[in-house]
């Protein structure tokens, strides 16, 4: 999923003409961006930036609607069943859209048929953190603490089938330790319980974690990946620490309902890429941990990335035995 793609300048230059060509047809009214988590997490932070930029370019407000629950399934379902006119969009993520569909045995929608790709935003490496009362400063020390503990260490997730759930489970598998997942309706409430000392561990994109790491109320153990984070440059990676299998990033992208007219998809894709080309938006995304901003040259490219990521996470879900009936 970490693939650098060039912005197509012609699509950006064509944006004003494309919007005028649609006239009153699209967008004909205010739009909504469904974020399948409660407010306060990394998806919410990224989604609101994207909604702000796209609305400015499309000439209609874009209302953010937080629809948390079931690891993203509730918000996903709302978009799958929306009118296919491009006015309802989904902020999709590697956990909330791909992993959740692999973990849950029954879905109220078909993730491969009920959505239309609009475009890729970028990826944020996940950060592995503990409550400071856990006497560990890296993954090897955490492994030793967990093995010596008389009961399983507890980790908070934004919901069943999320990236935080999958990575937490893989930490247990790779480190050979017992971890107990505690599921919430988003990152915010899970993080609150880690900060309060009721949970030991949390993994997430860095955006909601950074203020607490800086304040010392949360201790970062590692970036789960091969490259250090621009937002946390002094934090070593799982690969540097000797655990290369712990390689996980949270990516973000925009989907519409299947059947949305191609002209509307084209307008949305151009507005998204123009937003991501805006220097201030790029700066804010990087500050919030989205290190690799890689807009897709065409909606179909994002569709292919979705398919390849699904194959990759299917192997992880099988290995960590994350299936939920």
C-alpha atoms as a PDB file:
ATOM      1  CA  UNK A   1       0.000   0.000   0.000  1.00  0.00           C
ATOM      2  CA  UNK A   2       2.990   2.278   0.446  1.00  0.00           C
ATOM      3  CA  UNK A   3       3.205   3.296  -3.188  1.00  0.00           C
ATOM      4  CA  UNK A   4       4.208   6.719  -4.378  1.00  0.00           C
ATOM      5  CA  UNK A   5       2.026   7.979  -7.210  1.00  0.00           C
ATOM      6  CA  UNK A   6       2.381  11.244  -9.122  1.00  0.00           C
ATOM      7  CA  UNK A   7      -0.383  13.809  -9.223  1.00  0.00           C
ATOM      8  CA  UNK A   8      -1.757  14.276 -12.701  1.00  0.00           C
ATOM      9  CA  UNK A   9      -1.559  17.973 -13.377  1.00  0.00           C
ATOM     10  CA  UNK A  10      -4.126  17.873 -16.195  1.00  0.00           C
ATOM     11  CA  UNK A  11      -6.779  16.579 -13.786  1.00  0.00           C
ATOM     12  CA  UNK A  12      -6.096  19.481 -11.453  1.00  0.00           C
ATOM     13  CA  UNK A  13      -6.156  22.054 -14.196  1.00  0.00           C
ATOM     14  CA  UNK A  14      -9.409  20.648 -15.538  1.00  0.00           C
ATOM     15  CA  UNK A  15     -11.193  20.845 -12.177  1.00  0.00           C
ATOM     16  CA  UNK A  16     -12.940  24.254 -12.585  1.00  0.00           C
ATOM     17  CA  UNK A  17     -14.179  23.356 -16.074  1.00  0.00           C
ATOM     18  CA  UNK A  18     -15.339  19.958 -14.905  1.00  0.00           C
ATOM     19  CA  UNK A  19     -17.322  21.447 -12.042  1.00  0.00           C
ATOM     20  CA  UNK A  20     -18.932  23.972 -14.406  1.00  0.00           C
ATOM     21  CA  UNK A  21     -19.732  21.251 -16.895  1.00  0.00           C
ATOM     22  CA  UNK A  22     -21.787  19.494 -14.259  1.00  0.00           C
ATOM     23  CA  UNK A  23     -23.592  22.761 -13.475  1.00  0.00           C
ATOM     24  CA  UNK A  24     -26.586  22.176 -11.215  1.00  0.00           C
ATOM     25  CA  UNK A  25     -26.353  18.402 -11.702  1.00  0.00           C
ATOM     26  CA  UNK A  26     -23.349  17.768  -9.473  1.00  0.00           C
ATOM     27  CA  UNK A  27     -22.928  18.674  -6.777  1.00  0.00           C
ATOM     28  CA  UNK A  28     -26.520  19.819  -6.569  1.00  0.00           C
ATOM     29  CA  UNK A  29     -26.695  20.185  -2.794  1.00  0.00           C
ATOM     30  CA  UNK A  30     -24.539  19.861   0.337  1.00  0.00           C
ATOM     31  CA  UNK A  31     -22.573  16.621   0.568  1.00  0.00           C
ATOM     32  CA  UNK A  32     -21.688  14.449   3.526  1.00  0.00           C
ATOM     33  CA  UNK A  33     -18.533  12.546   4.381  1.00  0.00           C
ATOM     34  CA  UNK A  34     -19.213   9.563   6.633  1.00  0.00           C
ATOM     35  CA  UNK A  35     -16.367   8.755   9.018  1.00  0.00           C
ATOM     36  CA  UNK A  36     -16.992   5.276  10.474  1.00  0.00           C
ATOM     37  CA  UNK A  37     -15.616   6.149  13.912  1.00  0.00           C
ATOM     38  CA  UNK A  38     -16.439   8.502  16.757  1.00  0.00           C
ATOM     39  CA  UNK A  39     -14.800  11.922  16.868  1.00  0.00           C
ATOM     40  CA  UNK A  40     -11.267  12.391  18.130  1.00  0.00           C
ATOM     41  CA  UNK A  41      -9.366   9.630  16.340  1.00  0.00           C
ATOM     42  CA  UNK A  42      -6.980   9.744  13.394  1.00  0.00           C
ATOM     43  CA  UNK A  43      -9.757   9.039  10.859  1.00  0.00           C
ATOM     44  CA  UNK A  44     -11.738  11.999  12.186  1.00  0.00           C
ATOM     45  CA  UNK A  45      -8.747  14.348  12.052  1.00  0.00           C
ATOM     46  CA  UNK A  46      -7.816  13.379   8.484  1.00  0.00           C
ATOM     47  CA  UNK A  47     -11.429  13.263   7.271  1.00  0.00           C
ATOM     48  CA  UNK A  48     -12.225  16.775   8.409  1.00  0.00           C
ATOM     49  CA  UNK A  49      -9.228  18.186   6.562  1.00  0.00           C
ATOM     50  CA  UNK A  50     -10.253  16.387   3.373  1.00  0.00           C
ATOM     51  CA  UNK A  51     -13.896  17.482   3.687  1.00  0.00           C
ATOM     52  CA  UNK A  52     -12.845  21.094   4.143  1.00  0.00           C
ATOM     53  CA  UNK A  53     -10.646  21.080   1.040  1.00  0.00           C
ATOM     54  CA  UNK A  54     -13.058  19.214  -1.228  1.00  0.00           C
ATOM     55  CA  UNK A  55     -15.999  21.416  -0.241  1.00  0.00           C
ATOM     56  CA  UNK A  56     -14.047  24.539  -1.162  1.00  0.00           C
ATOM     57  CA  UNK A  57     -13.297  23.127  -4.601  1.00  0.00           C
ATOM     58  CA  UNK A  58     -16.735  21.698  -5.345  1.00  0.00           C
ATOM     59  CA  UNK A  59     -18.661  24.785  -4.244  1.00  0.00           C
ATOM     60  CA  UNK A  60     -20.928  22.957  -1.797  1.00  0.00           C
ATOM     61  CA  UNK A  61     -20.591  22.317   1.954  1.00  0.00           C
ATOM     62  CA  UNK A  62     -19.429  18.861   2.983  1.00  0.00           C
ATOM     63  CA  UNK A  63     -20.839  17.832   6.350  1.00  0.00           C
ATOM     64  CA  UNK A  64     -18.815  15.339   8.387  1.00  0.00           C
ATOM     65  CA  UNK A  65     -20.940  12.609   9.919  1.00  0.00           C
ATOM     66  CA  UNK A  66     -19.340  10.343  12.544  1.00  0.00           C
ATOM     67  CA  UNK A  67     -21.019   6.926  12.409  1.00  0.00           C
ATOM     68  CA  UNK A  68     -18.970   4.797  14.809  1.00  0.00           C
ATOM     69  CA  UNK A  69     -19.530   1.190  15.765  1.00  0.00           C
ATOM     70  CA  UNK A  70     -18.773  -2.403  14.744  1.00  0.00           C
ATOM     71  CA  UNK A  71     -15.225  -1.557  13.649  1.00  0.00           C
ATOM     72  CA  UNK A  72     -16.469   0.651  10.814  1.00  0.00           C
ATOM     73  CA  UNK A  73     -19.304  -1.546   9.518  1.00  0.00           C
ATOM     74  CA  UNK A  74     -22.093   0.849  10.546  1.00  0.00           C
ATOM     75  CA  UNK A  75     -20.609   3.825   8.697  1.00  0.00           C
ATOM     76  CA  UNK A  76     -19.666   1.691   5.698  1.00  0.00           C
ATOM     77  CA  UNK A  77     -23.199   0.338   5.468  1.00  0.00           C
ATOM     78  CA  UNK A  78     -24.676   3.843   5.521  1.00  0.00           C
ATOM     79  CA  UNK A  79     -22.704   4.734   2.389  1.00  0.00           C
ATOM     80  CA  UNK A  80     -23.325   1.395   0.680  1.00  0.00           C
ATOM     81  CA  UNK A  81     -27.080   2.023   0.949  1.00  0.00           C
ATOM     82  CA  UNK A  82     -27.014   5.762   0.104  1.00  0.00           C
ATOM     83  CA  UNK A  83     -28.405   7.076  -3.206  1.00  0.00           C
ATOM     84  CA  UNK A  84     -25.714   6.550  -5.874  1.00  0.00           C
ATOM     85  CA  UNK A  85     -25.401  10.212  -6.792  1.00  0.00           C
ATOM     86  CA  UNK A  86     -22.008  11.151  -5.317  1.00  0.00           C
ATOM     87  CA  UNK A  87     -23.404  13.296  -2.499  1.00  0.00           C
ATOM     88  CA  UNK A  88     -22.549  10.714   0.200  1.00  0.00           C
ATOM     89  CA  UNK A  89     -18.918   9.673   0.578  1.00  0.00           C
ATOM     90  CA  UNK A  90     -16.985   7.363   2.893  1.00  0.00           C
ATOM     91  CA  UNK A  91     -13.595   7.928   4.464  1.00  0.00           C
ATOM     92  CA  UNK A  92     -12.320   4.381   4.038  1.00  0.00           C
ATOM     93  CA  UNK A  93      -9.346   2.974   5.880  1.00  0.00           C
ATOM     94  CA  UNK A  94      -7.247  -0.166   5.924  1.00  0.00           C
ATOM     95  CA  UNK A  95      -8.905  -1.288   9.153  1.00  0.00           C
ATOM     96  CA  UNK A  96     -12.433   0.037   8.936  1.00  0.00           C
ATOM     97  CA  UNK A  97     -12.948  -1.042   5.329  1.00  0.00           C
ATOM     98  CA  UNK A  98     -10.570  -3.879   4.439  1.00  0.00           C
ATOM     99  CA  UNK A  99      -9.700  -5.704   7.673  1.00  0.00           C
ATOM    100  CA  UNK A 100     -13.207  -5.430   9.140  1.00  0.00           C
ATOM    101  CA  UNK A 101     -14.671  -7.112   6.059  1.00  0.00           C
ATOM    102  CA  UNK A 102     -12.233 -10.017   6.477  1.00  0.00           C
ATOM    103  CA  UNK A 103     -12.797 -10.451  10.198  1.00  0.00           C
ATOM    104  CA  UNK A 104     -16.600 -10.397  10.281  1.00  0.00           C
ATOM    105  CA  UNK A 105     -18.276 -13.505   8.895  1.00  0.00           C
ATOM    106  CA  UNK A 106     -21.464 -11.620   8.007  1.00  0.00           C
ATOM    107  CA  UNK A 107     -21.594  -8.155   6.437  1.00  0.00           C
ATOM    108  CA  UNK A 108     -24.658  -6.038   5.616  1.00  0.00           C
ATOM    109  CA  UNK A 109     -22.979  -5.006   2.335  1.00  0.00           C
ATOM    110  CA  UNK A 110     -20.541  -6.358  -0.233  1.00  0.00           C
ATOM    111  CA  UNK A 111     -17.203  -4.478   0.088  1.00  0.00           C
ATOM    112  CA  UNK A 112     -16.201  -5.355  -3.469  1.00  0.00           C
ATOM    113  CA  UNK A 113     -19.488  -4.566  -5.254  1.00  0.00           C
ATOM    114  CA  UNK A 114     -21.282  -1.868  -3.247  1.00  0.00           C
ATOM    115  CA  UNK A 115     -18.690   0.915  -3.448  1.00  0.00           C
ATOM    116  CA  UNK A 116     -17.031   3.001  -6.143  1.00  0.00           C
ATOM    117  CA  UNK A 117     -13.415   4.145  -5.639  1.00  0.00           C
ATOM    118  CA  UNK A 118     -12.819   7.893  -5.767  1.00  0.00           C
ATOM    119  CA  UNK A 119      -9.202   8.256  -4.717  1.00  0.00           C
ATOM    120  CA  UNK A 120      -6.388   7.436  -2.332  1.00  0.00           C
ATOM    121  CA  UNK A 121      -5.204   9.952   0.265  1.00  0.00           C
ATOM    122  CA  UNK A 122      -2.111   8.498   1.919  1.00  0.00           C
ATOM    123  CA  UNK A 123      -0.797   6.358   4.735  1.00  0.00           C
ATOM    124  CA  UNK A 124       0.203   6.941   8.343  1.00  0.00           C
ATOM    125  CA  UNK A 125       2.477   4.464  10.122  1.00  0.00           C
ATOM    126  CA  UNK A 126       0.964   3.026  13.278  1.00  0.00           C
ATOM    127  CA  UNK A 127       2.612   3.769  16.594  1.00  0.00           C
ATOM    128  CA  UNK A 128       2.742   1.226  19.436  1.00  0.00           C
ATOM    129  CA  UNK A 129       2.223   2.911  22.811  1.00  0.00           C
ATOM    130  CA  UNK A 130       1.787   1.936  26.455  1.00  0.00           C
ATOM    131  CA  UNK A 131       0.602   3.601  29.614  1.00  0.00           C
ATOM    132  CA  UNK A 132       3.769   4.960  31.324  1.00  0.00           C
ATOM    133  CA  UNK A 133       3.149   2.684  34.310  1.00  0.00           C
ATOM    134  CA  UNK A 134       4.134  -0.258  32.091  1.00  0.00           C
ATOM    135  CA  UNK A 135       7.924  -0.574  32.712  1.00  0.00           C
ATOM    136  CA  UNK A 136       8.957  -0.862  29.076  1.00  0.00           C
ATOM    137  CA  UNK A 137      10.585   1.537  26.632  1.00  0.00           C
ATOM    138  CA  UNK A 138      10.849  -0.703  23.571  1.00  0.00           C
ATOM    139  CA  UNK A 139       9.324  -3.880  22.166  1.00  0.00           C
ATOM    140  CA  UNK A 140      11.884  -6.237  23.705  1.00  0.00           C
ATOM    141  CA  UNK A 141      11.260  -4.801  27.172  1.00  0.00           C
ATOM    142  CA  UNK A 142       7.494  -5.001  26.623  1.00  0.00           C
ATOM    143  CA  UNK A 143       7.900  -8.637  25.597  1.00  0.00           C
ATOM    144  CA  UNK A 144       9.710  -9.373  28.866  1.00  0.00           C
ATOM    145  CA  UNK A 145       7.132  -7.508  30.973  1.00  0.00           C
ATOM    146  CA  UNK A 146       4.225  -9.309  29.303  1.00  0.00           C
ATOM    147  CA  UNK A 147       5.851 -12.733  29.706  1.00  0.00           C
ATOM    148  CA  UNK A 148       6.426 -12.079  33.397  1.00  0.00           C
ATOM    149  CA  UNK A 149       2.887 -10.807  34.017  1.00  0.00           C
ATOM    150  CA  UNK A 150       0.476 -13.118  35.841  1.00  0.00           C
ATOM    151  CA  UNK A 151      -2.413 -12.146  33.581  1.00  0.00           C
ATOM    152  CA  UNK A 152      -2.712 -11.019  29.936  1.00  0.00           C
ATOM    153  CA  UNK A 153      -1.801  -7.450  29.101  1.00  0.00           C
ATOM    154  CA  UNK A 154      -4.850  -5.553  27.834  1.00  0.00           C
ATOM    155  CA  UNK A 155      -4.904  -3.468  24.643  1.00  0.00           C
ATOM    156  CA  UNK A 156      -7.584  -1.084  23.455  1.00  0.00           C
ATOM    157  CA  UNK A 157      -8.906  -1.133  19.904  1.00  0.00           C
ATOM    158  CA  UNK A 158     -11.210   1.217  17.939  1.00  0.00           C
ATOM    159  CA  UNK A 159     -13.388  -1.836  17.257  1.00  0.00           C
ATOM    160  CA  UNK A 160     -13.379  -5.438  16.070  1.00  0.00           C
ATOM    161  CA  UNK A 161     -11.561  -5.786  12.759  1.00  0.00           C
ATOM    162  CA  UNK A 162      -9.834  -2.409  12.863  1.00  0.00           C
ATOM    163  CA  UNK A 163      -6.171  -1.842  12.135  1.00  0.00           C
ATOM    164  CA  UNK A 164      -5.583  -1.402  15.868  1.00  0.00           C
ATOM    165  CA  UNK A 165      -7.178  -4.792  16.526  1.00  0.00           C
ATOM    166  CA  UNK A 166      -5.184  -6.579  13.813  1.00  0.00           C
ATOM    167  CA  UNK A 167      -1.843  -5.033  14.759  1.00  0.00           C
ATOM    168  CA  UNK A 168      -2.443  -5.664  18.475  1.00  0.00           C
ATOM    169  CA  UNK A 169      -3.143  -9.317  17.737  1.00  0.00           C
ATOM    170  CA  UNK A 170      -0.011  -9.553  15.587  1.00  0.00           C
ATOM    171  CA  UNK A 171       2.066  -8.080  18.406  1.00  0.00           C
ATOM    172  CA  UNK A 172       0.915 -10.973  20.556  1.00  0.00           C
ATOM    173  CA  UNK A 173       1.759 -13.520  17.845  1.00  0.00           C
ATOM    174  CA  UNK A 174       5.157 -12.072  16.908  1.00  0.00           C
ATOM    175  CA  UNK A 175       6.322 -11.394  20.482  1.00  0.00           C
ATOM    176  CA  UNK A 176       4.930 -14.708  21.755  1.00  0.00           C
ATOM    177  CA  UNK A 177       2.892 -13.061  24.515  1.00  0.00           C
ATOM    178  CA  UNK A 178      -0.733 -13.134  25.628  1.00  0.00           C
ATOM    179  CA  UNK A 179      -2.719  -9.963  24.954  1.00  0.00           C
ATOM    180  CA  UNK A 180      -6.411  -9.372  25.599  1.00  0.00           C
ATOM    181  CA  UNK A 181      -8.243  -7.011  23.202  1.00  0.00           C
ATOM    182  CA  UNK A 182     -10.797  -4.573  24.628  1.00  0.00           C
ATOM    183  CA  UNK A 183     -12.987  -3.132  21.866  1.00  0.00           C
ATOM    184  CA  UNK A 184     -14.480   0.373  21.694  1.00  0.00           C
ATOM    185  CA  UNK A 185     -16.464   2.446  19.197  1.00  0.00           C
ATOM    186  CA  UNK A 186     -13.441   4.476  18.146  1.00  0.00           C
ATOM    187  CA  UNK A 187      -9.918   5.508  19.079  1.00  0.00           C
ATOM    188  CA  UNK A 188     -11.018   8.267  21.468  1.00  0.00           C
ATOM    189  CA  UNK A 189     -12.612   6.104  24.165  1.00  0.00           C
ATOM    190  CA  UNK A 190      -9.920   3.418  23.835  1.00  0.00           C
ATOM    191  CA  UNK A 191      -7.204   6.036  24.275  1.00  0.00           C
ATOM    192  CA  UNK A 192      -8.992   7.483  27.311  1.00  0.00           C
ATOM    193  CA  UNK A 193      -8.831   4.140  29.092  1.00  0.00           C
ATOM    194  CA  UNK A 194      -5.143   3.670  28.263  1.00  0.00           C
ATOM    195  CA  UNK A 195      -4.390   7.145  29.634  1.00  0.00           C
ATOM    196  CA  UNK A 196      -6.399   6.336  32.767  1.00  0.00           C
ATOM    197  CA  UNK A 197      -4.358   3.179  33.331  1.00  0.00           C
ATOM    198  CA  UNK A 198      -7.239   0.764  32.774  1.00  0.00           C
ATOM    199  CA  UNK A 199      -5.485  -0.629  29.680  1.00  0.00           C
ATOM    200  CA  UNK A 200      -1.816  -1.266  28.977  1.00  0.00           C
ATOM    201  CA  UNK A 201      -1.366  -0.874  25.228  1.00  0.00           C
ATOM    202  CA  UNK A 202      -2.784   0.905  22.171  1.00  0.00           C
ATOM    203  CA  UNK A 203      -1.709   1.076  18.531  1.00  0.00           C
ATOM    204  CA  UNK A 204      -2.900   3.785  16.174  1.00  0.00           C
ATOM    205  CA  UNK A 205      -1.837   6.324  13.593  1.00  0.00           C
ATOM    206  CA  UNK A 206       0.091   8.990  15.453  1.00  0.00           C
ATOM    207  CA  UNK A 207      -2.311  11.947  15.148  1.00  0.00           C
ATOM    208  CA  UNK A 208      -4.370  11.420  18.344  1.00  0.00           C
ATOM    209  CA  UNK A 209      -1.372   9.993  20.234  1.00  0.00           C
ATOM    210  CA  UNK A 210       1.180  12.761  19.657  1.00  0.00           C
ATOM    211  CA  UNK A 211      -0.038  15.278  22.298  1.00  0.00           C
ATOM    212  CA  UNK A 212      -0.007  12.573  24.983  1.00  0.00           C
ATOM    213  CA  UNK A 213       3.409  11.272  23.940  1.00  0.00           C
ATOM    214  CA  UNK A 214       4.753  14.832  24.147  1.00  0.00           C
ATOM    215  CA  UNK A 215       3.141  15.327  27.566  1.00  0.00           C
ATOM    216  CA  UNK A 216       4.536  12.057  28.913  1.00  0.00           C
ATOM    217  CA  UNK A 217       1.113  10.592  29.650  1.00  0.00           C
ATOM    218  CA  UNK A 218       1.689   7.974  26.937  1.00  0.00           C
ATOM    219  CA  UNK A 219       4.951   6.208  26.103  1.00  0.00           C
ATOM    220  CA  UNK A 220       5.718   5.277  22.502  1.00  0.00           C
ATOM    221  CA  UNK A 221       7.589   1.993  22.058  1.00  0.00           C
ATOM    222  CA  UNK A 222       8.000   1.841  18.284  1.00  0.00           C
ATOM    223  CA  UNK A 223       6.719   2.828  14.865  1.00  0.00           C
ATOM    224  CA  UNK A 224       5.198  -0.309  13.331  1.00  0.00           C
ATOM    225  CA  UNK A 225       6.992  -0.186  10.005  1.00  0.00           C
ATOM    226  CA  UNK A 226      10.215   0.167   8.074  1.00  0.00           C
ATOM    227  CA  UNK A 227      10.528   3.952   8.062  1.00  0.00           C
ATOM    228  CA  UNK A 228      10.510   6.415  10.912  1.00  0.00           C
ATOM    229  CA  UNK A 229       7.637   8.869  11.185  1.00  0.00           C
ATOM    230  CA  UNK A 230       8.197  12.514  10.282  1.00  0.00           C
ATOM    231  CA  UNK A 231       5.937  13.409  13.207  1.00  0.00           C
ATOM    232  CA  UNK A 232       8.046  11.329  15.657  1.00  0.00           C
ATOM    233  CA  UNK A 233      11.543  11.267  14.107  1.00  0.00           C
ATOM    234  CA  UNK A 234      13.331  10.048  17.249  1.00  0.00           C
ATOM    235  CA  UNK A 235      11.148   6.966  17.650  1.00  0.00           C
ATOM    236  CA  UNK A 236      12.740   3.794  16.258  1.00  0.00           C
ATOM    237  CA  UNK A 237      10.805   1.348  14.101  1.00  0.00           C
ATOM    238  CA  UNK A 238       9.773  -2.240  14.738  1.00  0.00           C
ATOM    239  CA  UNK A 239      12.210  -3.270  11.997  1.00  0.00           C
ATOM    240  CA  UNK A 240      15.085  -1.456  13.709  1.00  0.00           C
ATOM    241  CA  UNK A 241      14.160  -3.196  16.948  1.00  0.00           C
ATOM    242  CA  UNK A 242      14.260  -6.643  15.342  1.00  0.00           C
ATOM    243  CA  UNK A 243      10.564  -7.320  14.672  1.00  0.00           C
ATOM    244  CA  UNK A 244      10.123  -6.820  10.898  1.00  0.00           C
ATOM    245  CA  UNK A 245       6.768  -8.654  10.822  1.00  0.00           C
ATOM    246  CA  UNK A 246       5.174  -5.785  12.727  1.00  0.00           C
ATOM    247  CA  UNK A 247       4.729  -3.617   9.651  1.00  0.00           C
ATOM    248  CA  UNK A 248       1.417  -1.785   9.594  1.00  0.00           C
ATOM    249  CA  UNK A 249       0.207   1.574   8.343  1.00  0.00           C
ATOM    250  CA  UNK A 250      -3.242   3.099   8.431  1.00  0.00           C
ATOM    251  CA  UNK A 251      -4.190   4.311   4.977  1.00  0.00           C
ATOM    252  CA  UNK A 252      -7.065   6.585   4.023  1.00  0.00           C
ATOM    253  CA  UNK A 253      -9.106   6.905   0.853  1.00  0.00           C
ATOM    254  CA  UNK A 254     -12.466   8.122  -0.414  1.00  0.00           C
ATOM    255  CA  UNK A 255     -15.255   5.864  -1.680  1.00  0.00           C
ATOM    256  CA  UNK A 256     -18.698   6.613  -3.088  1.00  0.00           C
ATOM    257  CA  UNK A 257     -21.730   4.383  -3.474  1.00  0.00           C
ATOM    258  CA  UNK A 258     -21.615   1.908  -6.370  1.00  0.00           C
ATOM    259  CA  UNK A 259     -23.506   3.206  -9.383  1.00  0.00           C
ATOM    260  CA  UNK A 260     -22.459   6.830  -8.883  1.00  0.00           C
ATOM    261  CA  UNK A 261     -22.237   8.442 -12.366  1.00  0.00           C
ATOM    262  CA  UNK A 262     -18.704   8.543 -13.817  1.00  0.00           C
ATOM    263  CA  UNK A 263     -18.885  12.340 -14.224  1.00  0.00           C
ATOM    264  CA  UNK A 264     -19.545  12.746 -10.496  1.00  0.00           C
ATOM    265  CA  UNK A 265     -16.684  10.353  -9.654  1.00  0.00           C
ATOM    266  CA  UNK A 266     -14.385  12.358 -11.926  1.00  0.00           C
ATOM    267  CA  UNK A 267     -15.340  15.638 -10.244  1.00  0.00           C
ATOM    268  CA  UNK A 268     -14.828  14.164  -6.780  1.00  0.00           C
ATOM    269  CA  UNK A 269     -11.485  12.632  -7.746  1.00  0.00           C
ATOM    270  CA  UNK A 270     -10.219  15.932  -9.174  1.00  0.00           C
ATOM    271  CA  UNK A 271     -11.378  17.830  -6.069  1.00  0.00           C
ATOM    272  CA  UNK A 272      -9.649  15.318  -3.787  1.00  0.00           C
ATOM    273  CA  UNK A 273      -6.355  15.487  -5.690  1.00  0.00           C
ATOM    274  CA  UNK A 274      -6.478  19.290  -5.802  1.00  0.00           C
ATOM    275  CA  UNK A 275      -7.016  19.279  -2.033  1.00  0.00           C
ATOM    276  CA  UNK A 276      -4.008  17.010  -1.510  1.00  0.00           C
ATOM    277  CA  UNK A 277      -1.872  19.282  -3.709  1.00  0.00           C
ATOM    278  CA  UNK A 278      -2.602  22.275  -1.459  1.00  0.00           C
ATOM    279  CA  UNK A 279       0.592  23.026   0.537  1.00  0.00           C
ATOM    280  CA  UNK A 280      -1.253  23.882   3.759  1.00  0.00           C
ATOM    281  CA  UNK A 281      -3.288  20.661   3.654  1.00  0.00           C
ATOM    282  CA  UNK A 282      -0.155  18.618   2.971  1.00  0.00           C
ATOM    283  CA  UNK A 283       1.647  20.306   5.867  1.00  0.00           C
ATOM    284  CA  UNK A 284      -1.231  19.610   8.257  1.00  0.00           C
ATOM    285  CA  UNK A 285      -1.514  15.990   7.152  1.00  0.00           C
ATOM    286  CA  UNK A 286       2.218  15.412   7.672  1.00  0.00           C
ATOM    287  CA  UNK A 287       2.067  17.071  11.090  1.00  0.00           C
ATOM    288  CA  UNK A 288      -0.686  14.604  11.979  1.00  0.00           C
ATOM    289  CA  UNK A 289       1.345  11.585  10.951  1.00  0.00           C
ATOM    290  CA  UNK A 290       0.267  11.023   7.335  1.00  0.00           C
ATOM    291  CA  UNK A 291       3.816  10.648   6.071  1.00  0.00           C
ATOM    292  CA  UNK A 292       3.104   9.363   2.592  1.00  0.00           C
ATOM    293  CA  UNK A 293       0.546  11.448   0.695  1.00  0.00           C
ATOM    294  CA  UNK A 294       0.045   9.593  -2.572  1.00  0.00           C
ATOM    295  CA  UNK A 295      -3.025  10.664  -4.567  1.00  0.00           C
ATOM    296  CA  UNK A 296      -4.129   8.108  -7.155  1.00  0.00           C
ATOM    297  CA  UNK A 297      -3.823   9.230 -10.790  1.00  0.00           C
ATOM    298  CA  UNK A 298      -7.271   7.747 -11.487  1.00  0.00           C
ATOM    299  CA  UNK A 299     -10.077   6.242  -9.371  1.00  0.00           C
ATOM    300  CA  UNK A 300      -9.316   2.830 -10.895  1.00  0.00           C
ATOM    301  CA  UNK A 301      -5.802   2.938  -9.413  1.00  0.00           C
ATOM    302  CA  UNK A 302      -7.275   3.234  -5.938  1.00  0.00           C
ATOM    303  CA  UNK A 303      -9.531   0.279  -6.749  1.00  0.00           C
ATOM    304  CA  UNK A 304      -6.489  -1.848  -7.579  1.00  0.00           C
ATOM    305  CA  UNK A 305      -4.783  -0.796  -4.352  1.00  0.00           C
ATOM    306  CA  UNK A 306      -7.886  -1.874  -2.418  1.00  0.00           C
ATOM    307  CA  UNK A 307      -7.738  -5.308  -4.031  1.00  0.00           C
ATOM    308  CA  UNK A 308      -4.029  -5.824  -3.300  1.00  0.00           C
ATOM    309  CA  UNK A 309      -4.367  -4.637   0.301  1.00  0.00           C
ATOM    310  CA  UNK A 310      -7.258  -7.043   0.819  1.00  0.00           C
ATOM    311  CA  UNK A 311      -5.016  -9.940  -0.233  1.00  0.00           C
ATOM    312  CA  UNK A 312      -2.239  -8.825   2.133  1.00  0.00           C
ATOM    313  CA  UNK A 313      -4.498  -8.445   5.168  1.00  0.00           C
ATOM    314  CA  UNK A 314      -6.283 -11.740   4.476  1.00  0.00           C
ATOM    315  CA  UNK A 315      -3.006 -13.517   5.253  1.00  0.00           C
ATOM    316  CA  UNK A 316      -2.572 -11.530   8.496  1.00  0.00           C
ATOM    317  CA  UNK A 317      -6.146 -12.195   9.624  1.00  0.00           C
ATOM    318  CA  UNK A 318      -5.680 -15.911   9.027  1.00  0.00           C
ATOM    319  CA  UNK A 319      -2.374 -16.055  10.877  1.00  0.00           C
ATOM    320  CA  UNK A 320      -3.671 -14.099  13.897  1.00  0.00           C
ATOM    321  CA  UNK A 321      -6.988 -16.012  13.866  1.00  0.00           C
ATOM    322  CA  UNK A 322      -9.076 -12.840  13.976  1.00  0.00           C
ATOM    323  CA  UNK A 323     -12.250 -14.252  12.444  1.00  0.00           C
ATOM    324  CA  UNK A 324     -15.447 -13.237  14.293  1.00  0.00           C
ATOM    325  CA  UNK A 325     -18.751 -15.087  13.785  1.00  0.00           C
END
